Amino acid sequence: MYHTHHKTSKFHIKKGDTVQVLSGNYQKKQGKVLKVFTKTYRAIVEGVNFVSKHRKPTAKNPQGAIERVEAPIHMSNLMLIDPATGKPTRVGRKLNGEGKLQRYSKKTGEFINNG
């Protein structure tokens, strides 16, 4: 069911990060990561990649509806926004002062807060 060609569980973006879309209809748009799907290597970004979702009529909503919701976008099309500069940057990993592996900005060399 899932494509398992991505064996690693370490991702360059996490929930809560601000990212920029690199390609597609929403190119150069920025948004906050709402959810990350590790098995399919995708993420839902706030305000990006809208699709129309048809809802059946229910007791609460007898009319039914067509809702616009965000769909997942592949992580290879996302780039992290460096919190220090506000510009897109590549992400690396290195040991911090406490000996813990932490993400860092390849553009500025500063550590990225994992919180």
PDB file of N, CA and C in Angstrom:
ATOM      1  N   MET A   1       0.814  -1.198   0.000  1.00  0.00           N
ATOM      2  CA  MET A   1       0.000   0.000   0.000  1.00  0.00           C
ATOM      3  C   MET A   1       0.855   1.258   0.000  1.00  0.00           C
ATOM      4  N   TYR A   2       1.855   1.321   0.886  1.00  0.00           N
ATOM      5  CA  TYR A   2       2.718   2.485   0.938  1.00  0.00           C
ATOM      6  C   TYR A   2       3.970   2.231   0.110  1.00  0.00           C
ATOM      7  N   HIS A   3       4.511   3.281  -0.472  1.00  0.00           N
ATOM      8  CA  HIS A   3       5.798   3.176  -1.146  1.00  0.00           C
ATOM      9  C   HIS A   3       6.866   3.290  -0.073  1.00  0.00           C
ATOM     10  N   THR A   4       7.672   2.271   0.070  1.00  0.00           N
ATOM     11  CA  THR A   4       8.637   2.248   1.165  1.00  0.00           C
ATOM     12  C   THR A   4      10.059   2.468   0.664  1.00  0.00           C
ATOM     13  N   HIS A   5      10.243   3.323  -0.335  1.00  0.00           N
ATOM     14  CA  HIS A   5      11.587   3.568  -0.826  1.00  0.00           C
ATOM     15  C   HIS A   5      12.356   4.539   0.058  1.00  0.00           C
ATOM     16  N   HIS A   6      11.687   5.203   1.001  1.00  0.00           N
ATOM     17  CA  HIS A   6      12.373   6.063   1.967  1.00  0.00           C
ATOM     18  C   HIS A   6      12.534   5.270   3.257  1.00  0.00           C
ATOM     19  N   LYS A   7      13.744   4.814   3.527  1.00  0.00           N
ATOM     20  CA  LYS A   7      13.990   3.957   4.681  1.00  0.00           C
ATOM     21  C   LYS A   7      14.244   4.742   5.962  1.00  0.00           C
ATOM     22  N   THR A   8      14.627   6.019   5.834  1.00  0.00           N
ATOM     23  CA  THR A   8      15.006   6.782   7.013  1.00  0.00           C
ATOM     24  C   THR A   8      13.779   7.372   7.710  1.00  0.00           C
ATOM     25  N   SER A   9      13.904   7.603   8.999  1.00  0.00           N
ATOM     26  CA  SER A   9      12.817   8.244   9.738  1.00  0.00           C
ATOM     27  C   SER A   9      13.214   9.660  10.138  1.00  0.00           C
ATOM     28  N   LYS A  10      14.368  10.134   9.651  1.00  0.00           N
ATOM     29  CA  LYS A  10      14.810  11.493   9.948  1.00  0.00           C
ATOM     30  C   LYS A  10      14.394  12.402   8.798  1.00  0.00           C
ATOM     31  N   PHE A  11      13.643  13.433   9.119  1.00  0.00           N
ATOM     32  CA  PHE A  11      13.136  14.331   8.097  1.00  0.00           C
ATOM     33  C   PHE A  11      13.708  15.727   8.307  1.00  0.00           C
ATOM     34  N   HIS A  12      13.786  16.497   7.227  1.00  0.00           N
ATOM     35  CA  HIS A  12      14.333  17.845   7.340  1.00  0.00           C
ATOM     36  C   HIS A  12      13.297  18.841   7.838  1.00  0.00           C
ATOM     37  N   ILE A  13      12.019  18.438   7.867  1.00  0.00           N
ATOM     38  CA  ILE A  13      10.995  19.322   8.428  1.00  0.00           C
ATOM     39  C   ILE A  13      10.206  18.561   9.494  1.00  0.00           C
ATOM     40  N   LYS A  14       9.637  19.327  10.405  1.00  0.00           N
ATOM     41  CA  LYS A  14       8.824  18.761  11.484  1.00  0.00           C
ATOM     42  C   LYS A  14       7.539  19.561  11.598  1.00  0.00           C
ATOM     43  N   LYS A  15       6.596  19.028  12.350  1.00  0.00           N
ATOM     44  CA  LYS A  15       5.349  19.736  12.624  1.00  0.00           C
ATOM     45  C   LYS A  15       5.667  21.057  13.316  1.00  0.00           C
ATOM     46  N   GLY A  16       5.037  22.126  12.839  1.00  0.00           N
ATOM     47  CA  GLY A  16       5.257  23.438  13.425  1.00  0.00           C
ATOM     48  C   GLY A  16       6.283  24.284  12.693  1.00  0.00           C
ATOM     49  N   ASP A  17       7.087  23.676  11.819  1.00  0.00           N
ATOM     50  CA  ASP A  17       8.071  24.433  11.045  1.00  0.00           C
ATOM     51  C   ASP A  17       7.377  25.294   9.999  1.00  0.00           C
ATOM     52  N   THR A  18       8.019  26.384   9.621  1.00  0.00           N
ATOM     53  CA  THR A  18       7.559  27.196   8.503  1.00  0.00           C
ATOM     54  C   THR A  18       8.366  26.779   7.281  1.00  0.00           C
ATOM     55  N   VAL A  19       7.659  26.453   6.195  1.00  0.00           N
ATOM     56  CA  VAL A  19       8.321  25.956   4.991  1.00  0.00           C
ATOM     57  C   VAL A  19       7.891  26.755   3.764  1.00  0.00           C
ATOM     58  N   GLN A  20       8.680  26.620   2.704  1.00  0.00           N
ATOM     59  CA  GLN A  20       8.343  27.227   1.418  1.00  0.00           C
ATOM     60  C   GLN A  20       8.195  26.116   0.399  1.00  0.00           C
ATOM     61  N   VAL A  21       7.187  26.240  -0.482  1.00  0.00           N
ATOM     62  CA  VAL A  21       6.948  25.248  -1.526  1.00  0.00           C
ATOM     63  C   VAL A  21       7.867  25.559  -2.693  1.00  0.00           C
ATOM     64  N   LEU A  22       8.579  24.534  -3.189  1.00  0.00           N
ATOM     65  CA  LEU A  22       9.566  24.722  -4.240  1.00  0.00           C
ATOM     66  C   LEU A  22       8.991  24.578  -5.641  1.00  0.00           C
ATOM     67  N   SER A  23       7.954  23.745  -5.818  1.00  0.00           N
ATOM     68  CA  SER A  23       7.437  23.522  -7.164  1.00  0.00           C
ATOM     69  C   SER A  23       5.945  23.248  -7.126  1.00  0.00           C
ATOM     70  N   GLY A  24       5.316  23.364  -8.281  1.00  0.00           N
ATOM     71  CA  GLY A  24       3.886  23.104  -8.398  1.00  0.00           C
ATOM     72  C   GLY A  24       3.081  24.386  -8.447  1.00  0.00           C
ATOM     73  N   ASN A  25       1.773  24.250  -8.297  1.00  0.00           N
ATOM     74  CA  ASN A  25       0.866  25.389  -8.393  1.00  0.00           C
ATOM     75  C   ASN A  25       1.052  26.396  -7.270  1.00  0.00           C
ATOM     76  N   TYR A  26       1.593  25.957  -6.153  1.00  0.00           N
ATOM     77  CA  TYR A  26       1.759  26.829  -4.982  1.00  0.00           C
ATOM     78  C   TYR A  26       3.220  27.210  -4.782  1.00  0.00           C
ATOM     79  N   GLN A  27       3.991  27.253  -5.868  1.00  0.00           N
ATOM     80  CA  GLN A  27       5.408  27.564  -5.809  1.00  0.00           C
ATOM     81  C   GLN A  27       5.650  28.918  -5.132  1.00  0.00           C
ATOM     82  N   LYS A  28       6.666  28.967  -4.255  1.00  0.00           N
ATOM     83  CA  LYS A  28       7.088  30.156  -3.501  1.00  0.00           C
ATOM     84  C   LYS A  28       6.113  30.570  -2.402  1.00  0.00           C
ATOM     85  N   LYS A  29       5.044  29.813  -2.160  1.00  0.00           N
ATOM     86  CA  LYS A  29       4.135  30.098  -1.050  1.00  0.00           C
ATOM     87  C   LYS A  29       4.755  29.544   0.228  1.00  0.00           C
ATOM     88  N   GLN A  30       4.516  30.236   1.329  1.00  0.00           N
ATOM     89  CA  GLN A  30       5.024  29.793   2.615  1.00  0.00           C
ATOM     90  C   GLN A  30       3.869  29.442   3.542  1.00  0.00           C
ATOM     91  N   GLY A  31       4.098  28.500   4.429  1.00  0.00           N
ATOM     92  CA  GLY A  31       3.075  28.112   5.391  1.00  0.00           C
ATOM     93  C   GLY A  31       3.658  27.258   6.495  1.00  0.00           C
ATOM     94  N   LYS A  32       2.846  27.016   7.502  1.00  0.00           N
ATOM     95  CA  LYS A  32       3.236  26.230   8.669  1.00  0.00           C
ATOM     96  C   LYS A  32       2.861  24.767   8.439  1.00  0.00           C
ATOM     97  N   VAL A  33       3.736  23.853   8.836  1.00  0.00           N
ATOM     98  CA  VAL A  33       3.470  22.419   8.698  1.00  0.00           C
ATOM     99  C   VAL A  33       2.484  22.011   9.786  1.00  0.00           C
ATOM    100  N   LEU A  34       1.318  21.480   9.365  1.00  0.00           N
ATOM    101  CA  LEU A  34       0.285  21.066  10.309  1.00  0.00           C
ATOM    102  C   LEU A  34       0.437  19.611  10.714  1.00  0.00           C
ATOM    103  N   LYS A  35       0.857  18.755   9.759  1.00  0.00           N
ATOM    104  CA  LYS A  35       0.982  17.332  10.039  1.00  0.00           C
ATOM    105  C   LYS A  35       1.996  16.722   9.087  1.00  0.00           C
ATOM    106  N   VAL A  36       2.753  15.735   9.572  1.00  0.00           N
ATOM    107  CA  VAL A  36       3.737  15.037   8.751  1.00  0.00           C
ATOM    108  C   VAL A  36       3.341  13.572   8.674  1.00  0.00           C
ATOM    109  N   PHE A  37       3.297  13.035   7.444  1.00  0.00           N
ATOM    110  CA  PHE A  37       3.007  11.618   7.214  1.00  0.00           C
ATOM    111  C   PHE A  37       4.324  10.932   6.883  1.00  0.00           C
ATOM    112  N   THR A  38       4.871  10.186   7.863  1.00  0.00           N
ATOM    113  CA  THR A  38       6.205   9.621   7.706  1.00  0.00           C
ATOM    114  C   THR A  38       6.245   8.489   6.686  1.00  0.00           C
ATOM    115  N   LYS A  39       5.208   7.687   6.606  1.00  0.00           N
ATOM    116  CA  LYS A  39       5.235   6.528   5.702  1.00  0.00           C
ATOM    117  C   LYS A  39       5.184   6.930   4.238  1.00  0.00           C
ATOM    118  N   THR A  40       4.460   7.983   3.925  1.00  0.00           N
ATOM    119  CA  THR A  40       4.336   8.407   2.535  1.00  0.00           C
ATOM    120  C   THR A  40       5.233   9.590   2.200  1.00  0.00           C
ATOM    121  N   TYR A  41       6.021  10.082   3.181  1.00  0.00           N
ATOM    122  CA  TYR A  41       6.975  11.172   2.985  1.00  0.00           C
ATOM    123  C   TYR A  41       6.269  12.432   2.505  1.00  0.00           C
ATOM    124  N   ARG A  42       5.146  12.747   3.146  1.00  0.00           N
ATOM    125  CA  ARG A  42       4.347  13.911   2.777  1.00  0.00           C
ATOM    126  C   ARG A  42       4.020  14.739   4.010  1.00  0.00           C
ATOM    127  N   ALA A  43       3.579  15.973   3.776  1.00  0.00           N
ATOM    128  CA  ALA A  43       3.216  16.857   4.873  1.00  0.00           C
ATOM    129  C   ALA A  43       2.056  17.738   4.440  1.00  0.00           C
ATOM    130  N   ILE A  44       1.218  18.121   5.403  1.00  0.00           N
ATOM    131  CA  ILE A  44       0.142  19.078   5.141  1.00  0.00           C
ATOM    132  C   ILE A  44       0.645  20.448   5.582  1.00  0.00           C
ATOM    133  N   VAL A  45       0.587  21.408   4.653  1.00  0.00           N
ATOM    134  CA  VAL A  45       1.058  22.768   4.922  1.00  0.00           C
ATOM    135  C   VAL A  45      -0.147  23.696   4.909  1.00  0.00           C
ATOM    136  N   GLU A  46      -0.211  24.571   5.906  1.00  0.00           N
ATOM    137  CA  GLU A  46      -1.331  25.500   6.065  1.00  0.00           C
ATOM    138  C   GLU A  46      -1.408  26.455   4.872  1.00  0.00           C
ATOM    139  N   GLY A  47      -2.575  26.492   4.224  1.00  0.00           N
ATOM    140  CA  GLY A  47      -2.811  27.421   3.124  1.00  0.00           C
ATOM    141  C   GLY A  47      -2.230  27.005   1.789  1.00  0.00           C
ATOM    142  N   VAL A  48      -1.817  25.741   1.662  1.00  0.00           N
ATOM    143  CA  VAL A  48      -1.170  25.274   0.435  1.00  0.00           C
ATOM    144  C   VAL A  48      -1.830  23.982  -0.039  1.00  0.00           C
ATOM    145  N   ASN A  49      -1.939  23.818  -1.357  1.00  0.00           N
ATOM    146  CA  ASN A  49      -2.425  22.591  -1.998  1.00  0.00           C
ATOM    147  C   ASN A  49      -3.874  22.270  -1.616  1.00  0.00           C
ATOM    148  N   PHE A  50      -4.772  23.205  -1.908  1.00  0.00           N
ATOM    149  CA  PHE A  50      -6.185  23.005  -1.606  1.00  0.00           C
ATOM    150  C   PHE A  50      -6.836  22.060  -2.609  1.00  0.00           C
ATOM    151  N   VAL A  51      -7.721  21.193  -2.105  1.00  0.00           N
ATOM    152  CA  VAL A  51      -8.543  20.331  -2.950  1.00  0.00           C
ATOM    153  C   VAL A  51      -9.988  20.478  -2.486  1.00  0.00           C
ATOM    154  N   SER A  52     -10.936  20.174  -3.401  1.00  0.00           N
ATOM    155  CA  SER A  52     -12.355  20.226  -3.056  1.00  0.00           C
ATOM    156  C   SER A  52     -12.794  18.866  -2.547  1.00  0.00           C
ATOM    157  N   LYS A  53     -13.406  18.857  -1.386  1.00  0.00           N
ATOM    158  CA  LYS A  53     -13.862  17.623  -0.752  1.00  0.00           C
ATOM    159  C   LYS A  53     -15.390  17.666  -0.719  1.00  0.00           C
ATOM    160  N   HIS A  54     -16.030  16.684  -1.335  1.00  0.00           N
ATOM    161  CA  HIS A  54     -17.492  16.640  -1.370  1.00  0.00           C
ATOM    162  C   HIS A  54     -18.004  15.903  -0.144  1.00  0.00           C
ATOM    163  N   ARG A  55     -18.875  16.540   0.614  1.00  0.00           N
ATOM    164  CA  ARG A  55     -19.459  15.941   1.816  1.00  0.00           C
ATOM    165  C   ARG A  55     -20.905  15.558   1.528  1.00  0.00           C
ATOM    166  N   LYS A  56     -21.263  14.348   1.930  1.00  0.00           N
ATOM    167  CA  LYS A  56     -22.643  13.885   1.753  1.00  0.00           C
ATOM    168  C   LYS A  56     -23.571  14.604   2.728  1.00  0.00           C
ATOM    169  N   PRO A  57     -24.834  14.727   2.374  1.00  0.00           N
ATOM    170  CA  PRO A  57     -25.794  15.291   3.333  1.00  0.00           C
ATOM    171  C   PRO A  57     -25.920  14.405   4.576  1.00  0.00           C
ATOM    172  N   THR A  58     -25.976  15.038   5.727  1.00  0.00           N
ATOM    173  CA  THR A  58     -26.151  14.326   6.992  1.00  0.00           C
ATOM    174  C   THR A  58     -27.276  14.996   7.773  1.00  0.00           C
ATOM    175  N   ALA A  59     -27.575  14.468   8.940  1.00  0.00           N
ATOM    176  CA  ALA A  59     -28.619  15.058   9.771  1.00  0.00           C
ATOM    177  C   ALA A  59     -28.211  16.468  10.210  1.00  0.00           C
ATOM    178  N   LYS A  60     -26.941  16.641  10.519  1.00  0.00           N
ATOM    179  CA  LYS A  60     -26.455  17.956  10.931  1.00  0.00           C
ATOM    180  C   LYS A  60     -26.402  18.923   9.753  1.00  0.00           C
ATOM    181  N   ASN A  61     -26.024  18.409   8.595  1.00  0.00           N
ATOM    182  CA  ASN A  61     -25.867  19.248   7.409  1.00  0.00           C
ATOM    183  C   ASN A  61     -26.689  18.647   6.260  1.00  0.00           C
ATOM    184  N   PRO A  62     -28.000  18.925   6.208  1.00  0.00           N
ATOM    185  CA  PRO A  62     -28.861  18.272   5.220  1.00  0.00           C
ATOM    186  C   PRO A  62     -28.563  18.667   3.775  1.00  0.00           C
ATOM    187  N   GLN A  63     -27.885  19.782   3.574  1.00  0.00           N
ATOM    188  CA  GLN A  63     -27.560  20.224   2.219  1.00  0.00           C
ATOM    189  C   GLN A  63     -26.351  19.490   1.643  1.00  0.00           C
ATOM    190  N   GLY A  64     -25.461  19.007   2.523  1.00  0.00           N
ATOM    191  CA  GLY A  64     -24.182  18.519   2.042  1.00  0.00           C
ATOM    192  C   GLY A  64     -23.282  19.725   1.803  1.00  0.00           C
ATOM    193  N   ALA A  65     -22.088  19.516   1.327  1.00  0.00           N
ATOM    194  CA  ALA A  65     -21.193  20.652   1.113  1.00  0.00           C
ATOM    195  C   ALA A  65     -20.020  20.254   0.240  1.00  0.00           C
ATOM    196  N   ILE A  66     -19.396  21.261  -0.327  1.00  0.00           N
ATOM    197  CA  ILE A  66     -18.112  21.090  -1.003  1.00  0.00           C
ATOM    198  C   ILE A  66     -17.124  21.947  -0.221  1.00  0.00           C
ATOM    199  N   GLU A  67     -16.216  21.262   0.485  1.00  0.00           N
ATOM    200  CA  GLU A  67     -15.255  21.959   1.333  1.00  0.00           C
ATOM    201  C   GLU A  67     -13.900  22.022   0.645  1.00  0.00           C
ATOM    202  N   ARG A  68     -13.187  23.103   0.896  1.00  0.00           N
ATOM    203  CA  ARG A  68     -11.803  23.217   0.412  1.00  0.00           C
ATOM    204  C   ARG A  68     -10.884  22.887   1.580  1.00  0.00           C
ATOM    205  N   VAL A  69     -10.090  21.835   1.426  1.00  0.00           N
ATOM    206  CA  VAL A  69      -9.178  21.408   2.489  1.00  0.00           C
ATOM    207  C   VAL A  69      -7.768  21.260   1.913  1.00  0.00           C
ATOM    208  N   GLU A  70      -6.775  21.349   2.801  1.00  0.00           N
ATOM    209  CA  GLU A  70      -5.384  21.177   2.384  1.00  0.00           C
ATOM    210  C   GLU A  70      -5.083  19.696   2.195  1.00  0.00           C
ATOM    211  N   ALA A  71      -4.432  19.361   1.099  1.00  0.00           N
ATOM    212  CA  ALA A  71      -4.008  17.992   0.825  1.00  0.00           C
ATOM    213  C   ALA A  71      -2.512  17.873   1.113  1.00  0.00           C
ATOM    214  N   PRO A  72      -2.036  16.659   1.384  1.00  0.00           N
ATOM    215  CA  PRO A  72      -0.603  16.491   1.640  1.00  0.00           C
ATOM    216  C   PRO A  72       0.225  16.819   0.403  1.00  0.00           C
ATOM    217  N   ILE A  73       1.427  17.317   0.644  1.00  0.00           N
ATOM    218  CA  ILE A  73       2.374  17.641  -0.424  1.00  0.00           C
ATOM    219  C   ILE A  73       3.676  16.904  -0.119  1.00  0.00           C
ATOM    220  N   HIS A  74       4.365  16.442  -1.159  1.00  0.00           N
ATOM    221  CA  HIS A  74       5.575  15.651  -0.960  1.00  0.00           C
ATOM    222  C   HIS A  74       6.680  16.506  -0.338  1.00  0.00           C
ATOM    223  N   MET A  75       7.411  15.913   0.616  1.00  0.00           N
ATOM    224  CA  MET A  75       8.421  16.667   1.353  1.00  0.00           C
ATOM    225  C   MET A  75       9.573  17.145   0.487  1.00  0.00           C
ATOM    226  N   SER A  76       9.796  16.491  -0.655  1.00  0.00           N
ATOM    227  CA  SER A  76      10.880  16.929  -1.537  1.00  0.00           C
ATOM    228  C   SER A  76      10.554  18.281  -2.166  1.00  0.00           C
ATOM    229  N   ASN A  77       9.301  18.683  -2.131  1.00  0.00           N
ATOM    230  CA  ASN A  77       8.882  19.975  -2.678  1.00  0.00           C
ATOM    231  C   ASN A  77       8.832  21.068  -1.611  1.00  0.00           C
ATOM    232  N   LEU A  78       9.324  20.777  -0.418  1.00  0.00           N
ATOM    233  CA  LEU A  78       9.297  21.742   0.682  1.00  0.00           C
ATOM    234  C   LEU A  78      10.709  22.075   1.146  1.00  0.00           C
ATOM    235  N   MET A  79      10.929  23.335   1.495  1.00  0.00           N
ATOM    236  CA  MET A  79      12.217  23.755   2.033  1.00  0.00           C
ATOM    237  C   MET A  79      11.974  24.577   3.289  1.00  0.00           C
ATOM    238  N   LEU A  80      12.736  24.283   4.322  1.00  0.00           N
ATOM    239  CA  LEU A  80      12.581  24.949   5.613  1.00  0.00           C
ATOM    240  C   LEU A  80      12.967  26.424   5.523  1.00  0.00           C
ATOM    241  N   ILE A  81      12.185  27.265   6.193  1.00  0.00           N
ATOM    242  CA  ILE A  81      12.510  28.681   6.308  1.00  0.00           C
ATOM    243  C   ILE A  81      13.375  28.856   7.560  1.00  0.00           C
ATOM    244  N   ASP A  82      14.564  29.435   7.387  1.00  0.00           N
ATOM    245  CA  ASP A  82      15.479  29.652   8.506  1.00  0.00           C
ATOM    246  C   ASP A  82      14.861  30.678   9.457  1.00  0.00           C
ATOM    247  N   PRO A  83      14.639  30.318  10.728  1.00  0.00           N
ATOM    248  CA  PRO A  83      14.032  31.263  11.672  1.00  0.00           C
ATOM    249  C   PRO A  83      14.862  32.526  11.868  1.00  0.00           C
ATOM    250  N   ALA A  84      16.172  32.442  11.714  1.00  0.00           N
ATOM    251  CA  ALA A  84      17.038  33.600  11.941  1.00  0.00           C
ATOM    252  C   ALA A  84      16.932  34.628  10.810  1.00  0.00           C
ATOM    253  N   THR A  85      16.905  34.161   9.558  1.00  0.00           N
ATOM    254  CA  THR A  85      16.926  35.082   8.418  1.00  0.00           C
ATOM    255  C   THR A  85      15.581  35.223   7.717  1.00  0.00           C
ATOM    256  N   GLY A  86      14.703  34.226   7.864  1.00  0.00           N
ATOM    257  CA  GLY A  86      13.417  34.257   7.172  1.00  0.00           C
ATOM    258  C   GLY A  86      13.508  33.828   5.726  1.00  0.00           C
ATOM    259  N   LYS A  87      14.647  33.235   5.336  1.00  0.00           N
ATOM    260  CA  LYS A  87      14.845  32.771   3.965  1.00  0.00           C
ATOM    261  C   LYS A  87      14.963  31.251   3.943  1.00  0.00           C
ATOM    262  N   PRO A  88      14.648  30.616   2.792  1.00  0.00           N
ATOM    263  CA  PRO A  88      14.757  29.157   2.702  1.00  0.00           C
ATOM    264  C   PRO A  88      16.199  28.697   2.869  1.00  0.00           C
ATOM    265  N   THR A  89      16.372  27.553   3.506  1.00  0.00           N
ATOM    266  CA  THR A  89      17.705  27.004   3.718  1.00  0.00           C
ATOM    267  C   THR A  89      17.657  25.492   3.681  1.00  0.00           C
ATOM    268  N   ARG A  90      18.791  24.898   3.310  1.00  0.00           N
ATOM    269  CA  ARG A  90      18.912  23.449   3.429  1.00  0.00           C
ATOM    270  C   ARG A  90      19.193  23.115   4.893  1.00  0.00           C
ATOM    271  N   VAL A  91      18.925  21.880   5.261  1.00  0.00           N
ATOM    272  CA  VAL A  91      19.041  21.477   6.661  1.00  0.00           C
ATOM    273  C   VAL A  91      20.069  20.366   6.782  1.00  0.00           C
ATOM    274  N   GLY A  92      20.933  20.487   7.782  1.00  0.00           N
ATOM    275  CA  GLY A  92      21.884  19.428   8.095  1.00  0.00           C
ATOM    276  C   GLY A  92      21.718  19.019   9.546  1.00  0.00           C
ATOM    277  N   ARG A  93      22.504  18.027   9.959  1.00  0.00           N
ATOM    278  CA  ARG A  93      22.483  17.590  11.355  1.00  0.00           C
ATOM    279  C   ARG A  93      23.899  17.518  11.875  1.00  0.00           C
ATOM    280  N   LYS A  94      24.090  18.047  13.080  1.00  0.00           N
ATOM    281  CA  LYS A  94      25.387  17.900  13.746  1.00  0.00           C
ATOM    282  C   LYS A  94      25.172  17.931  15.246  1.00  0.00           C
ATOM    283  N   LEU A  95      26.208  17.538  15.979  1.00  0.00           N
ATOM    284  CA  LEU A  95      26.120  17.474  17.433  1.00  0.00           C
ATOM    285  C   LEU A  95      26.193  18.882  18.014  1.00  0.00           C
ATOM    286  N   ASN A  96      25.301  19.138  18.975  1.00  0.00           N
ATOM    287  CA  ASN A  96      25.346  20.431  19.662  1.00  0.00           C
ATOM    288  C   ASN A  96      26.281  20.329  20.870  1.00  0.00           C
ATOM    289  N   GLY A  97      26.311  21.337  21.709  1.00  0.00           N
ATOM    290  CA  GLY A  97      27.208  21.363  22.865  1.00  0.00           C
ATOM    291  C   GLY A  97      26.979  20.242  23.857  1.00  0.00           C
ATOM    292  N   GLU A  98      25.746  19.743  23.934  1.00  0.00           N
ATOM    293  CA  GLU A  98      25.406  18.670  24.872  1.00  0.00           C
ATOM    294  C   GLU A  98      25.661  17.289  24.280  1.00  0.00           C
ATOM    295  N   GLY A  99      26.168  17.229  23.043  1.00  0.00           N
ATOM    296  CA  GLY A  99      26.417  15.941  22.391  1.00  0.00           C
ATOM    297  C   GLY A  99      25.176  15.326  21.780  1.00  0.00           C
ATOM    298  N   LYS A 100      24.143  16.133  21.560  1.00  0.00           N
ATOM    299  CA  LYS A 100      22.889  15.647  20.984  1.00  0.00           C
ATOM    300  C   LYS A 100      22.800  16.082  19.525  1.00  0.00           C
ATOM    301  N   LEU A 101      22.336  15.188  18.664  1.00  0.00           N
ATOM    302  CA  LEU A 101      22.194  15.500  17.245  1.00  0.00           C
ATOM    303  C   LEU A 101      21.055  16.491  17.047  1.00  0.00           C
ATOM    304  N   GLN A 102      21.342  17.587  16.362  1.00  0.00           N
ATOM    305  CA  GLN A 102      20.342  18.635  16.192  1.00  0.00           C
ATOM    306  C   GLN A 102      20.409  19.189  14.773  1.00  0.00           C
ATOM    307  N   ARG A 103      19.261  19.662  14.274  1.00  0.00           N
ATOM    308  CA  ARG A 103      19.209  20.254  12.940  1.00  0.00           C
ATOM    309  C   ARG A 103      19.901  21.618  12.945  1.00  0.00           C
ATOM    310  N   TYR A 104      20.542  21.950  11.824  1.00  0.00           N
ATOM    311  CA  TYR A 104      21.141  23.276  11.692  1.00  0.00           C
ATOM    312  C   TYR A 104      20.949  23.790  10.279  1.00  0.00           C
ATOM    313  N   SER A 105      20.979  25.104  10.138  1.00  0.00           N
ATOM    314  CA  SER A 105      20.821  25.759   8.852  1.00  0.00           C
ATOM    315  C   SER A 105      22.144  25.731   8.110  1.00  0.00           C
ATOM    316  N   LYS A 106      22.136  25.231   6.880  1.00  0.00           N
ATOM    317  CA  LYS A 106      23.374  25.189   6.104  1.00  0.00           C
ATOM    318  C   LYS A 106      23.750  26.575   5.598  1.00  0.00           C
ATOM    319  N   LYS A 107      22.795  27.497   5.571  1.00  0.00           N
ATOM    320  CA  LYS A 107      23.066  28.851   5.088  1.00  0.00           C
ATOM    321  C   LYS A 107      23.791  29.677   6.151  1.00  0.00           C
ATOM    322  N   THR A 108      23.289  29.629   7.380  1.00  0.00           N
ATOM    323  CA  THR A 108      23.880  30.450   8.444  1.00  0.00           C
ATOM    324  C   THR A 108      24.756  29.641   9.400  1.00  0.00           C
ATOM    325  N   GLY A 109      24.570  28.333   9.441  1.00  0.00           N
ATOM    326  CA  GLY A 109      25.334  27.483  10.359  1.00  0.00           C
ATOM    327  C   GLY A 109      24.767  27.440  11.760  1.00  0.00           C
ATOM    328  N   GLU A 110      23.641  28.145  12.002  1.00  0.00           N
ATOM    329  CA  GLU A 110      23.044  28.172  13.331  1.00  0.00           C
ATOM    330  C   GLU A 110      22.114  26.983  13.537  1.00  0.00           C
ATOM    331  N   PHE A 111      21.999  26.561  14.795  1.00  0.00           N
ATOM    332  CA  PHE A 111      21.092  25.462  15.126  1.00  0.00           C
ATOM    333  C   PHE A 111      19.633  25.911  14.997  1.00  0.00           C
ATOM    334  N   ILE A 112      18.783  24.998  14.581  1.00  0.00           N
ATOM    335  CA  ILE A 112      17.365  25.258  14.451  1.00  0.00           C
ATOM    336  C   ILE A 112      16.680  24.664  15.670  1.00  0.00           C
ATOM    337  N   ASN A 113      15.855  25.455  16.341  1.00  0.00           N
ATOM    338  CA  ASN A 113      15.159  24.997  17.535  1.00  0.00           C
ATOM    339  C   ASN A 113      14.212  23.856  17.170  1.00  0.00           C
ATOM    340  N   ASN A 114      14.345  22.716  17.838  1.00  0.00           N
ATOM    341  CA  ASN A 114      13.507  21.547  17.542  1.00  0.00           C
ATOM    342  C   ASN A 114      12.171  21.588  18.267  1.00  0.00           C
ATOM    343  N   GLY A 115      11.908  22.632  19.036  1.00  0.00           N
ATOM    344  CA  GLY A 115      10.688  22.712  19.797  1.00  0.00           C
ATOM    345  C   GLY A 115       9.602  23.181  18.974  1.00  0.00           C
TER     346      GLY A 115
END
